[in-house]
Amino acid sequence: MTGRTWSLWNREFDSPVILASGTAGFGFELMDMGYLDGVAAVISKATTLRPRKGNPPPRIVETRFGLLNSVGLANPGVEEVVTRILPEASALPVPLIVNVAGETEQEFASVVEMLEKSPVPFGYEINVSCPNVSEGGVAFGASPSTVERVSRLVGQTSSRPFSVKLTPNEGSITESALAAQEGGAGAVTVCNTFLGMTVDWRTGMIPLERKVGGYSSPALLPLTVARVHITCQAVDIPVLASGGVSRPEDVLELLAAGASMVQVGTWLMRRPGSGAELRDGVLELLEDVSP
């Protein structure tokens, strides 16, 4: 079970598994529990220009087949991340990719400019699924031209590679991926959560304060596989798959669809050590089919 490697941004990894943004914080808790073994990298929770309290609770609601979340990008703001959190993150045994969110196009570049002061980030994941305040709240990722402008602004600011995390809910994911590539992105993440909602039919009550949240579930795997496949046909940069992973077979299916690396997120809440479980399972399956 040795000799298998995967690569991203000119770096070799002995695992194809990355921990998805918003599911592992900055990696500290999983590191303390010894659960970063088998993980290629951690993608941090979102970092914004100013501190955000996030949405009122409840922020997570369990459904029959998955989870709805409406966290609202809660974070202490980029200044706190740079001065307090990233110095501690230098102790992580795996690279840290910082997820970046903004309310305007310029904010993405402003956050990255601050993060550039730290030697810790391996790269960035630019979350264009968040709402563009200056355009009435439509997600940045709904407009390929906006995706290209954000990517270009980040590329002009960053000395590190970055991936653009695309939305499956608005616009064309392939057009947005091409726009990210044109703007200078070093990868695209396919994709963010799908919009979902649950209602108590007896009372009419909707548990999430914002009504609609991001839905994640193993049942979404075929939707992610399809989007990874069509995106890989459209772009020349790496595609990082995200959505629906709970088994080693899921990781291999997404890699077979063209993904360079595969993120796991919601499954961590059930099995915090799933990074190593998935990596080991992938290696065992590959060994079984080797000639």
C-alpha atoms as a PDB file:
ATOM      1  CA  MET A   1       0.000   0.000   0.000  1.00  0.00           C
ATOM      2  CA  THR A   2       2.819   2.397  -0.846  1.00  0.00           C
ATOM      3  CA  GLY A   3       3.978   4.323  -3.862  1.00  0.00           C
ATOM      4  CA  ARG A   4       0.676   6.030  -4.678  1.00  0.00           C
ATOM      5  CA  THR A   5       0.829   9.802  -4.866  1.00  0.00           C
ATOM      6  CA  TRP A   6      -1.437  12.645  -5.932  1.00  0.00           C
ATOM      7  CA  SER A   7      -0.342  16.153  -6.813  1.00  0.00           C
ATOM      8  CA  LEU A   8      -1.670  19.670  -6.458  1.00  0.00           C
ATOM      9  CA  TRP A   9       0.146  22.916  -7.194  1.00  0.00           C
ATOM     10  CA  ASN A  10       3.534  21.230  -7.703  1.00  0.00           C
ATOM     11  CA  ARG A  11       3.353  19.344  -4.427  1.00  0.00           C
ATOM     12  CA  GLU A  12       3.086  15.570  -4.021  1.00  0.00           C
ATOM     13  CA  PHE A  13       0.739  13.990  -1.468  1.00  0.00           C
ATOM     14  CA  ASP A  14       0.342  10.420  -0.272  1.00  0.00           C
ATOM     15  CA  SER A  15      -3.422  10.974   0.021  1.00  0.00           C
ATOM     16  CA  PRO A  16      -6.066  12.393  -2.334  1.00  0.00           C
ATOM     17  CA  VAL A  17      -8.257  13.481   0.595  1.00  0.00           C
ATOM     18  CA  ILE A  18      -8.656  17.130   1.611  1.00  0.00           C
ATOM     19  CA  LEU A  19     -10.861  18.292   4.481  1.00  0.00           C
ATOM     20  CA  ALA A  20     -13.540  20.654   3.167  1.00  0.00           C
ATOM     21  CA  SER A  21     -14.018  24.211   4.356  1.00  0.00           C
ATOM     22  CA  GLY A  22     -16.402  24.729   7.245  1.00  0.00           C
ATOM     23  CA  THR A  23     -16.159  21.182   8.564  1.00  0.00           C
ATOM     24  CA  ALA A  24     -12.800  21.152  10.341  1.00  0.00           C
ATOM     25  CA  GLY A  25     -12.348  24.741  11.585  1.00  0.00           C
ATOM     26  CA  PHE A  26      -8.654  25.463  11.151  1.00  0.00           C
ATOM     27  CA  GLY A  27      -7.750  21.840  11.885  1.00  0.00           C
ATOM     28  CA  PHE A  28      -6.715  22.265  15.528  1.00  0.00           C
ATOM     29  CA  GLU A  29      -9.293  19.968  17.126  1.00  0.00           C
ATOM     30  CA  LEU A  30      -8.690  17.149  14.663  1.00  0.00           C
ATOM     31  CA  MET A  31      -4.935  17.588  15.097  1.00  0.00           C
ATOM     32  CA  ASP A  32      -5.280  17.282  18.879  1.00  0.00           C
ATOM     33  CA  MET A  33      -7.248  14.063  18.413  1.00  0.00           C
ATOM     34  CA  GLY A  34      -4.684  12.673  15.984  1.00  0.00           C
ATOM     35  CA  TYR A  35      -7.170  12.703  13.115  1.00  0.00           C
ATOM     36  CA  LEU A  36      -5.128  14.545  10.479  1.00  0.00           C
ATOM     37  CA  ASP A  37      -3.267  11.356   9.605  1.00  0.00           C
ATOM     38  CA  GLY A  38      -4.152  10.389   6.045  1.00  0.00           C
ATOM     39  CA  VAL A  39      -5.198  13.926   5.120  1.00  0.00           C
ATOM     40  CA  ALA A  40      -3.481  15.800   2.287  1.00  0.00           C
ATOM     41  CA  ALA A  41      -4.549  19.278   3.428  1.00  0.00           C
ATOM     42  CA  VAL A  42      -7.095  21.167   5.500  1.00  0.00           C
ATOM     43  CA  ILE A  43      -9.216  23.942   4.032  1.00  0.00           C
ATOM     44  CA  SER A  44     -10.066  26.419   6.758  1.00  0.00           C
ATOM     45  CA  LYS A  45     -13.455  27.824   7.581  1.00  0.00           C
ATOM     46  CA  ALA A  46     -14.247  31.030   5.706  1.00  0.00           C
ATOM     47  CA  THR A  47     -12.233  34.161   6.473  1.00  0.00           C
ATOM     48  CA  THR A  48     -13.749  37.572   5.743  1.00  0.00           C
ATOM     49  CA  LEU A  49     -12.440  41.127   5.916  1.00  0.00           C
ATOM     50  CA  ARG A  50     -14.365  41.962   9.078  1.00  0.00           C
ATOM     51  CA  PRO A  51     -15.532  39.704  11.925  1.00  0.00           C
ATOM     52  CA  ARG A  52     -18.885  38.008  11.376  1.00  0.00           C
ATOM     53  CA  LYS A  53     -21.155  36.620  14.076  1.00  0.00           C
ATOM     54  CA  GLY A  54     -22.921  34.418  11.574  1.00  0.00           C
ATOM     55  CA  ASN A  55     -26.570  33.485  11.435  1.00  0.00           C
ATOM     56  CA  PRO A  56     -28.703  32.931  14.552  1.00  0.00           C
ATOM     57  CA  PRO A  57     -29.115  29.324  15.736  1.00  0.00           C
ATOM     58  CA  PRO A  58     -30.101  26.733  14.869  1.00  0.00           C
ATOM     59  CA  ARG A  59     -27.426  26.702  12.194  1.00  0.00           C
ATOM     60  CA  ILE A  60     -27.462  22.993  11.386  1.00  0.00           C
ATOM     61  CA  VAL A  61     -30.527  20.805  10.888  1.00  0.00           C
ATOM     62  CA  GLU A  62     -30.352  17.066  10.277  1.00  0.00           C
ATOM     63  CA  THR A  63     -32.536  15.680   7.516  1.00  0.00           C
ATOM     64  CA  ARG A  64     -33.338  12.122   6.514  1.00  0.00           C
ATOM     65  CA  PHE A  65     -30.356  11.806   4.212  1.00  0.00           C
ATOM     66  CA  GLY A  66     -28.030  14.654   5.156  1.00  0.00           C
ATOM     67  CA  LEU A  67     -27.597  18.075   6.724  1.00  0.00           C
ATOM     68  CA  LEU A  68     -28.816  21.601   6.098  1.00  0.00           C
ATOM     69  CA  ASN A  69     -26.496  24.339   7.302  1.00  0.00           C
ATOM     70  CA  SER A  70     -26.872  28.087   7.599  1.00  0.00           C
ATOM     71  CA  VAL A  71     -23.768  29.139   9.502  1.00  0.00           C
ATOM     72  CA  GLY A  72     -23.419  32.536   7.848  1.00  0.00           C
ATOM     73  CA  LEU A  73     -19.617  32.564   7.481  1.00  0.00           C
ATOM     74  CA  ALA A  74     -19.039  33.125  11.209  1.00  0.00           C
ATOM     75  CA  ASN A  75     -15.370  33.997  11.767  1.00  0.00           C
ATOM     76  CA  PRO A  76     -13.188  36.460  13.708  1.00  0.00           C
ATOM     77  CA  GLY A  77     -12.083  38.421  10.625  1.00  0.00           C
ATOM     78  CA  VAL A  78      -8.833  38.328   8.687  1.00  0.00           C
ATOM     79  CA  GLU A  79      -6.798  40.469  11.101  1.00  0.00           C
ATOM     80  CA  GLU A  80      -7.442  38.036  13.955  1.00  0.00           C
ATOM     81  CA  VAL A  81      -6.781  35.090  11.675  1.00  0.00           C
ATOM     82  CA  VAL A  82      -3.403  36.494  10.613  1.00  0.00           C
ATOM     83  CA  THR A  83      -2.226  37.633  14.048  1.00  0.00           C
ATOM     84  CA  ARG A  84      -3.517  34.825  16.255  1.00  0.00           C
ATOM     85  CA  ILE A  85      -4.776  31.774  14.365  1.00  0.00           C
ATOM     86  CA  LEU A  86      -2.262  31.289  11.563  1.00  0.00           C
ATOM     87  CA  PRO A  87       0.796  31.359  13.858  1.00  0.00           C
ATOM     88  CA  GLU A  88      -0.780  28.471  15.764  1.00  0.00           C
ATOM     89  CA  ALA A  89      -1.647  26.742  12.484  1.00  0.00           C
ATOM     90  CA  SER A  90       2.056  26.488  11.671  1.00  0.00           C
ATOM     91  CA  ALA A  91       2.009  23.446  13.974  1.00  0.00           C
ATOM     92  CA  LEU A  92      -0.405  21.550  11.740  1.00  0.00           C
ATOM     93  CA  PRO A  93       1.155  18.386  10.269  1.00  0.00           C
ATOM     94  CA  VAL A  94      -0.498  19.081   6.890  1.00  0.00           C
ATOM     95  CA  PRO A  95      -0.776  22.174   4.663  1.00  0.00           C
ATOM     96  CA  LEU A  96      -3.523  24.706   5.346  1.00  0.00           C
ATOM     97  CA  ILE A  97      -5.538  26.244   2.522  1.00  0.00           C
ATOM     98  CA  VAL A  98      -7.440  29.323   3.684  1.00  0.00           C
ATOM     99  CA  ASN A  99     -11.005  29.762   2.462  1.00  0.00           C
ATOM    100  CA  VAL A 100     -11.734  33.397   1.569  1.00  0.00           C
ATOM    101  CA  ALA A 101     -15.140  35.090   1.353  1.00  0.00           C
ATOM    102  CA  GLY A 102     -16.195  38.653   0.656  1.00  0.00           C
ATOM    103  CA  GLU A 103     -19.165  40.966   0.261  1.00  0.00           C
ATOM    104  CA  THR A 104     -17.709  42.844  -2.713  1.00  0.00           C
ATOM    105  CA  GLU A 105     -15.252  41.902  -5.451  1.00  0.00           C
ATOM    106  CA  GLN A 106     -12.483  43.994  -3.909  1.00  0.00           C
ATOM    107  CA  GLU A 107     -12.917  42.375  -0.494  1.00  0.00           C
ATOM    108  CA  PHE A 108     -11.617  39.047  -1.767  1.00  0.00           C
ATOM    109  CA  ALA A 109      -8.361  40.697  -2.781  1.00  0.00           C
ATOM    110  CA  SER A 110      -8.218  42.693   0.456  1.00  0.00           C
ATOM    111  CA  VAL A 111      -8.523  39.532   2.549  1.00  0.00           C
ATOM    112  CA  VAL A 112      -5.848  37.774   0.480  1.00  0.00           C
ATOM    113  CA  GLU A 113      -3.572  40.817   0.786  1.00  0.00           C
ATOM    114  CA  MET A 114      -3.756  40.486   4.579  1.00  0.00           C
ATOM    115  CA  LEU A 115      -3.232  36.712   4.459  1.00  0.00           C
ATOM    116  CA  GLU A 116      -0.103  37.222   2.356  1.00  0.00           C
ATOM    117  CA  LYS A 117       1.575  38.602   5.497  1.00  0.00           C
ATOM    118  CA  SER A 118       1.621  35.075   6.927  1.00  0.00           C
ATOM    119  CA  PRO A 119       3.966  32.323   5.715  1.00  0.00           C
ATOM    120  CA  VAL A 120       1.455  29.627   6.725  1.00  0.00           C
ATOM    121  CA  PRO A 121      -1.149  29.278   3.927  1.00  0.00           C
ATOM    122  CA  PHE A 122      -0.327  26.756   1.218  1.00  0.00           C
ATOM    123  CA  GLY A 123      -2.918  28.450  -0.966  1.00  0.00           C
ATOM    124  CA  TYR A 124      -6.436  29.863  -0.947  1.00  0.00           C
ATOM    125  CA  GLU A 125      -9.935  28.744  -1.804  1.00  0.00           C
ATOM    126  CA  ILE A 126     -12.034  31.663  -3.051  1.00  0.00           C
ATOM    127  CA  ASN A 127     -15.680  31.180  -2.154  1.00  0.00           C
ATOM    128  CA  VAL A 128     -17.724  32.836  -4.907  1.00  0.00           C
ATOM    129  CA  SER A 129     -20.886  31.195  -3.610  1.00  0.00           C
ATOM    130  CA  CYS A 130     -21.411  33.995  -1.091  1.00  0.00           C
ATOM    131  CA  PRO A 131     -23.735  36.936  -1.934  1.00  0.00           C
ATOM    132  CA  ASN A 132     -22.437  39.996  -3.782  1.00  0.00           C
ATOM    133  CA  VAL A 133     -23.777  42.857  -1.665  1.00  0.00           C
ATOM    134  CA  SER A 134     -23.136  45.484  -4.341  1.00  0.00           C
ATOM    135  CA  GLU A 135     -25.239  43.476  -6.824  1.00  0.00           C
ATOM    136  CA  GLY A 136     -28.265  42.945  -4.607  1.00  0.00           C
ATOM    137  CA  GLY A 137     -27.172  39.705  -2.955  1.00  0.00           C
ATOM    138  CA  VAL A 138     -26.796  37.489  -6.030  1.00  0.00           C
ATOM    139  CA  ALA A 139     -23.982  34.978  -5.585  1.00  0.00           C
ATOM    140  CA  PHE A 140     -20.685  36.039  -7.182  1.00  0.00           C
ATOM    141  CA  GLY A 141     -20.540  32.667  -8.898  1.00  0.00           C
ATOM    142  CA  ALA A 142     -23.787  33.296 -10.799  1.00  0.00           C
ATOM    143  CA  SER A 143     -21.962  35.571 -13.227  1.00  0.00           C
ATOM    144  CA  PRO A 144     -18.924  34.268 -15.149  1.00  0.00           C
ATOM    145  CA  SER A 145     -17.712  37.830 -15.728  1.00  0.00           C
ATOM    146  CA  THR A 146     -17.791  38.457 -11.975  1.00  0.00           C
ATOM    147  CA  VAL A 147     -15.934  35.198 -11.333  1.00  0.00           C
ATOM    148  CA  GLU A 148     -13.257  36.268 -13.800  1.00  0.00           C
ATOM    149  CA  ARG A 149     -12.877  39.715 -12.203  1.00  0.00           C
ATOM    150  CA  VAL A 150     -12.634  38.254  -8.684  1.00  0.00           C
ATOM    151  CA  SER A 151     -10.085  35.687  -9.868  1.00  0.00           C
ATOM    152  CA  ARG A 152      -8.025  38.358 -11.583  1.00  0.00           C
ATOM    153  CA  LEU A 153      -8.069  40.614  -8.505  1.00  0.00           C
ATOM    154  CA  VAL A 154      -6.956  37.728  -6.288  1.00  0.00           C
ATOM    155  CA  GLY A 155      -4.309  36.655  -8.779  1.00  0.00           C
ATOM    156  CA  GLN A 156      -2.842  40.146  -8.863  1.00  0.00           C
ATOM    157  CA  THR A 157      -2.630  40.137  -5.059  1.00  0.00           C
ATOM    158  CA  SER A 158      -1.583  36.587  -4.237  1.00  0.00           C
ATOM    159  CA  SER A 159       1.842  35.000  -4.414  1.00  0.00           C
ATOM    160  CA  ARG A 160       0.207  31.608  -3.828  1.00  0.00           C
ATOM    161  CA  PRO A 161      -2.046  29.399  -5.945  1.00  0.00           C
ATOM    162  CA  PHE A 162      -5.780  29.489  -5.374  1.00  0.00           C
ATOM    163  CA  SER A 163      -8.903  27.552  -6.222  1.00  0.00           C
ATOM    164  CA  VAL A 164     -12.282  29.142  -6.922  1.00  0.00           C
ATOM    165  CA  LYS A 165     -15.134  27.337  -5.162  1.00  0.00           C
ATOM    166  CA  LEU A 166     -18.090  27.314  -7.525  1.00  0.00           C
ATOM    167  CA  THR A 167     -21.801  27.270  -6.790  1.00  0.00           C
ATOM    168  CA  PRO A 168     -24.142  24.614  -8.251  1.00  0.00           C
ATOM    169  CA  ASN A 169     -27.192  26.782  -7.640  1.00  0.00           C
ATOM    170  CA  GLU A 170     -26.919  29.662 -10.099  1.00  0.00           C
ATOM    171  CA  GLY A 171     -25.554  30.099 -13.600  1.00  0.00           C
ATOM    172  CA  SER A 172     -23.427  27.632 -15.571  1.00  0.00           C
ATOM    173  CA  ILE A 173     -20.739  25.871 -13.567  1.00  0.00           C
ATOM    174  CA  THR A 174     -18.633  25.239 -16.681  1.00  0.00           C
ATOM    175  CA  GLU A 175     -18.808  28.871 -17.805  1.00  0.00           C
ATOM    176  CA  SER A 176     -17.836  29.983 -14.299  1.00  0.00           C
ATOM    177  CA  ALA A 177     -14.972  27.468 -14.245  1.00  0.00           C
ATOM    178  CA  LEU A 178     -13.669  28.781 -17.560  1.00  0.00           C
ATOM    179  CA  ALA A 179     -13.950  32.325 -16.238  1.00  0.00           C
ATOM    180  CA  ALA A 180     -11.964  31.384 -13.123  1.00  0.00           C
ATOM    181  CA  GLN A 181      -9.268  29.837 -15.311  1.00  0.00           C
ATOM    182  CA  GLU A 182      -9.162  32.900 -17.540  1.00  0.00           C
ATOM    183  CA  GLY A 183      -8.835  35.086 -14.453  1.00  0.00           C
ATOM    184  CA  GLY A 184      -5.781  33.169 -13.243  1.00  0.00           C
ATOM    185  CA  ALA A 185      -7.147  30.563 -10.830  1.00  0.00           C
ATOM    186  CA  GLY A 186      -4.940  27.538 -10.254  1.00  0.00           C
ATOM    187  CA  ALA A 187      -7.912  25.218  -9.685  1.00  0.00           C
ATOM    188  CA  VAL A 188     -11.663  25.163  -9.236  1.00  0.00           C
ATOM    189  CA  THR A 189     -13.602  23.454  -6.470  1.00  0.00           C
ATOM    190  CA  VAL A 190     -16.725  21.638  -7.670  1.00  0.00           C
ATOM    191  CA  CYS A 191     -18.804  22.409  -5.826  1.00  0.00           C
ATOM    192  CA  ASN A 192     -20.396  24.166  -2.859  1.00  0.00           C
ATOM    193  CA  THR A 193     -23.560  22.933  -1.135  1.00  0.00           C
ATOM    194  CA  PHE A 194     -26.915  22.740  -2.890  1.00  0.00           C
ATOM    195  CA  LEU A 195     -29.779  24.937  -1.728  1.00  0.00           C
ATOM    196  CA  GLY A 196     -32.263  23.048   0.409  1.00  0.00           C
ATOM    197  CA  MET A 197     -35.036  23.516   2.941  1.00  0.00           C
ATOM    198  CA  THR A 198     -37.140  21.440   5.292  1.00  0.00           C
ATOM    199  CA  VAL A 199     -40.610  22.218   6.648  1.00  0.00           C
ATOM    200  CA  ASP A 200     -42.579  20.594   9.475  1.00  0.00           C
ATOM    201  CA  TRP A 201     -45.779  19.732   7.600  1.00  0.00           C
ATOM    202  CA  ARG A 202     -47.753  19.604  10.838  1.00  0.00           C
ATOM    203  CA  THR A 203     -46.944  23.127  12.003  1.00  0.00           C
ATOM    204  CA  GLY A 204     -45.535  24.813   8.906  1.00  0.00           C
ATOM    205  CA  MET A 205     -42.409  25.710  10.915  1.00  0.00           C
ATOM    206  CA  ILE A 206     -39.074  26.042   9.129  1.00  0.00           C
ATOM    207  CA  PRO A 207     -36.197  25.342  11.557  1.00  0.00           C
ATOM    208  CA  LEU A 208     -33.537  27.547   9.934  1.00  0.00           C
ATOM    209  CA  GLU A 209     -33.890  31.265  10.631  1.00  0.00           C
ATOM    210  CA  ARG A 210     -32.893  31.991   7.015  1.00  0.00           C
ATOM    211  CA  LYS A 211     -35.359  29.315   5.806  1.00  0.00           C
ATOM    212  CA  VAL A 212     -33.058  28.001   3.052  1.00  0.00           C
ATOM    213  CA  GLY A 213     -29.648  26.500   3.774  1.00  0.00           C
ATOM    214  CA  GLY A 214     -26.848  24.561   2.151  1.00  0.00           C
ATOM    215  CA  TYR A 215     -27.631  20.866   1.753  1.00  0.00           C
ATOM    216  CA  SER A 216     -24.901  18.237   1.985  1.00  0.00           C
ATOM    217  CA  SER A 217     -25.407  14.487   1.808  1.00  0.00           C
ATOM    218  CA  PRO A 218     -23.910  11.243   0.478  1.00  0.00           C
ATOM    219  CA  ALA A 219     -26.939  11.203  -1.824  1.00  0.00           C
ATOM    220  CA  LEU A 220     -25.432  14.156  -3.726  1.00  0.00           C
ATOM    221  CA  LEU A 221     -22.507  12.103  -5.025  1.00  0.00           C
ATOM    222  CA  PRO A 222     -23.909  11.531  -8.563  1.00  0.00           C
ATOM    223  CA  LEU A 223     -24.607  15.264  -8.890  1.00  0.00           C
ATOM    224  CA  THR A 224     -21.024  16.044  -7.932  1.00  0.00           C
ATOM    225  CA  VAL A 225     -19.615  13.364 -10.236  1.00  0.00           C
ATOM    226  CA  ALA A 226     -21.529  14.842 -13.177  1.00  0.00           C
ATOM    227  CA  ARG A 227     -20.347  18.391 -12.446  1.00  0.00           C
ATOM    228  CA  VAL A 228     -16.754  17.270 -11.972  1.00  0.00           C
ATOM    229  CA  HIS A 229     -16.866  15.420 -15.287  1.00  0.00           C
ATOM    230  CA  ILE A 230     -18.262  18.304 -17.344  1.00  0.00           C
ATOM    231  CA  THR A 231     -15.959  20.806 -15.650  1.00  0.00           C
ATOM    232  CA  CYS A 232     -12.887  18.678 -16.340  1.00  0.00           C
ATOM    233  CA  GLN A 233     -13.903  18.596 -20.009  1.00  0.00           C
ATOM    234  CA  ALA A 234     -14.043  22.397 -20.059  1.00  0.00           C
ATOM    235  CA  VAL A 235     -10.916  23.545 -18.214  1.00  0.00           C
ATOM    236  CA  ASP A 236      -7.195  22.769 -18.139  1.00  0.00           C
ATOM    237  CA  ILE A 237      -6.645  23.509 -14.437  1.00  0.00           C
ATOM    238  CA  PRO A 238      -7.125  20.996 -11.599  1.00  0.00           C
ATOM    239  CA  VAL A 239     -10.645  20.289 -10.383  1.00  0.00           C
ATOM    240  CA  LEU A 240     -11.079  19.650  -6.658  1.00  0.00           C
ATOM    241  CA  ALA A 241     -14.191  17.565  -6.070  1.00  0.00           C
ATOM    242  CA  SER A 242     -16.429  18.350  -3.117  1.00  0.00           C
ATOM    243  CA  GLY A 243     -19.766  16.780  -2.270  1.00  0.00           C
ATOM    244  CA  GLY A 244     -21.215  13.389  -1.375  1.00  0.00           C
ATOM    245  CA  VAL A 245     -18.124  11.555  -0.131  1.00  0.00           C
ATOM    246  CA  SER A 246     -18.543   8.916   2.576  1.00  0.00           C
ATOM    247  CA  ARG A 247     -16.668   5.857   1.231  1.00  0.00           C
ATOM    248  CA  PRO A 248     -13.314   5.121  -0.412  1.00  0.00           C
ATOM    249  CA  GLU A 249     -15.245   4.109  -3.529  1.00  0.00           C
ATOM    250  CA  ASP A 250     -16.692   7.632  -3.676  1.00  0.00           C
ATOM    251  CA  VAL A 251     -13.204   9.131  -3.693  1.00  0.00           C
ATOM    252  CA  LEU A 252     -12.105   6.842  -6.511  1.00  0.00           C
ATOM    253  CA  GLU A 253     -15.254   7.574  -8.512  1.00  0.00           C
ATOM    254  CA  LEU A 254     -14.596  11.307  -8.355  1.00  0.00           C
ATOM    255  CA  LEU A 255     -10.952  10.779  -9.302  1.00  0.00           C
ATOM    256  CA  ALA A 256     -12.102   8.629 -12.228  1.00  0.00           C
ATOM    257  CA  ALA A 257     -14.419  11.477 -13.289  1.00  0.00           C
ATOM    258  CA  GLY A 258     -11.342  13.689 -13.561  1.00  0.00           C
ATOM    259  CA  ALA A 259     -10.830  15.266 -10.139  1.00  0.00           C
ATOM    260  CA  SER A 260      -7.246  15.895  -9.032  1.00  0.00           C
ATOM    261  CA  MET A 261      -8.084  15.761  -5.323  1.00  0.00           C
ATOM    262  CA  VAL A 262     -11.263  15.030  -3.357  1.00  0.00           C
ATOM    263  CA  GLN A 263     -12.708  16.880  -0.393  1.00  0.00           C
ATOM    264  CA  VAL A 264     -14.668  15.294   2.451  1.00  0.00           C
ATOM    265  CA  GLY A 265     -16.815  17.440   4.715  1.00  0.00           C
ATOM    266  CA  THR A 266     -20.124  16.438   6.276  1.00  0.00           C
ATOM    267  CA  TRP A 267     -18.925  12.867   6.799  1.00  0.00           C
ATOM    268  CA  LEU A 268     -16.350  14.213   9.270  1.00  0.00           C
ATOM    269  CA  MET A 269     -19.173  15.035  11.679  1.00  0.00           C
ATOM    270  CA  ARG A 270     -20.051  11.363  11.861  1.00  0.00           C
ATOM    271  CA  ARG A 271     -16.498  10.027  11.614  1.00  0.00           C
ATOM    272  CA  PRO A 272     -13.840  12.622  12.541  1.00  0.00           C
ATOM    273  CA  GLY A 273     -11.101  10.166  11.600  1.00  0.00           C
ATOM    274  CA  SER A 274     -12.477   9.540   8.129  1.00  0.00           C
ATOM    275  CA  GLY A 275      -9.475  11.188   6.450  1.00  0.00           C
ATOM    276  CA  ALA A 276      -7.275   8.203   7.276  1.00  0.00           C
ATOM    277  CA  GLU A 277     -10.126   5.733   6.738  1.00  0.00           C
ATOM    278  CA  LEU A 278     -10.779   7.040   3.247  1.00  0.00           C
ATOM    279  CA  ARG A 279      -7.091   7.221   2.315  1.00  0.00           C
ATOM    280  CA  ASP A 280      -6.408   3.693   3.560  1.00  0.00           C
ATOM    281  CA  GLY A 281      -9.514   2.380   1.829  1.00  0.00           C
ATOM    282  CA  VAL A 282      -8.470   4.000  -1.450  1.00  0.00           C
ATOM    283  CA  LEU A 283      -5.015   2.435  -1.264  1.00  0.00           C
ATOM    284  CA  GLU A 284      -6.454  -0.985  -0.491  1.00  0.00           C
ATOM    285  CA  LEU A 285      -8.903  -0.819  -3.379  1.00  0.00           C
ATOM    286  CA  LEU A 286      -6.169   0.290  -5.766  1.00  0.00           C
ATOM    287  CA  GLU A 287      -3.931  -2.529  -4.581  1.00  0.00           C
ATOM    288  CA  ASP A 288      -6.722  -5.036  -5.214  1.00  0.00           C
ATOM    289  CA  VAL A 289      -7.026  -3.977  -8.860  1.00  0.00           C
ATOM    290  CA  SER A 290      -3.298  -3.638  -9.532  1.00  0.00           C
ATOM    291  CA  PRO A 291      -1.919  -6.193 -12.011  1.00  0.00           C
END
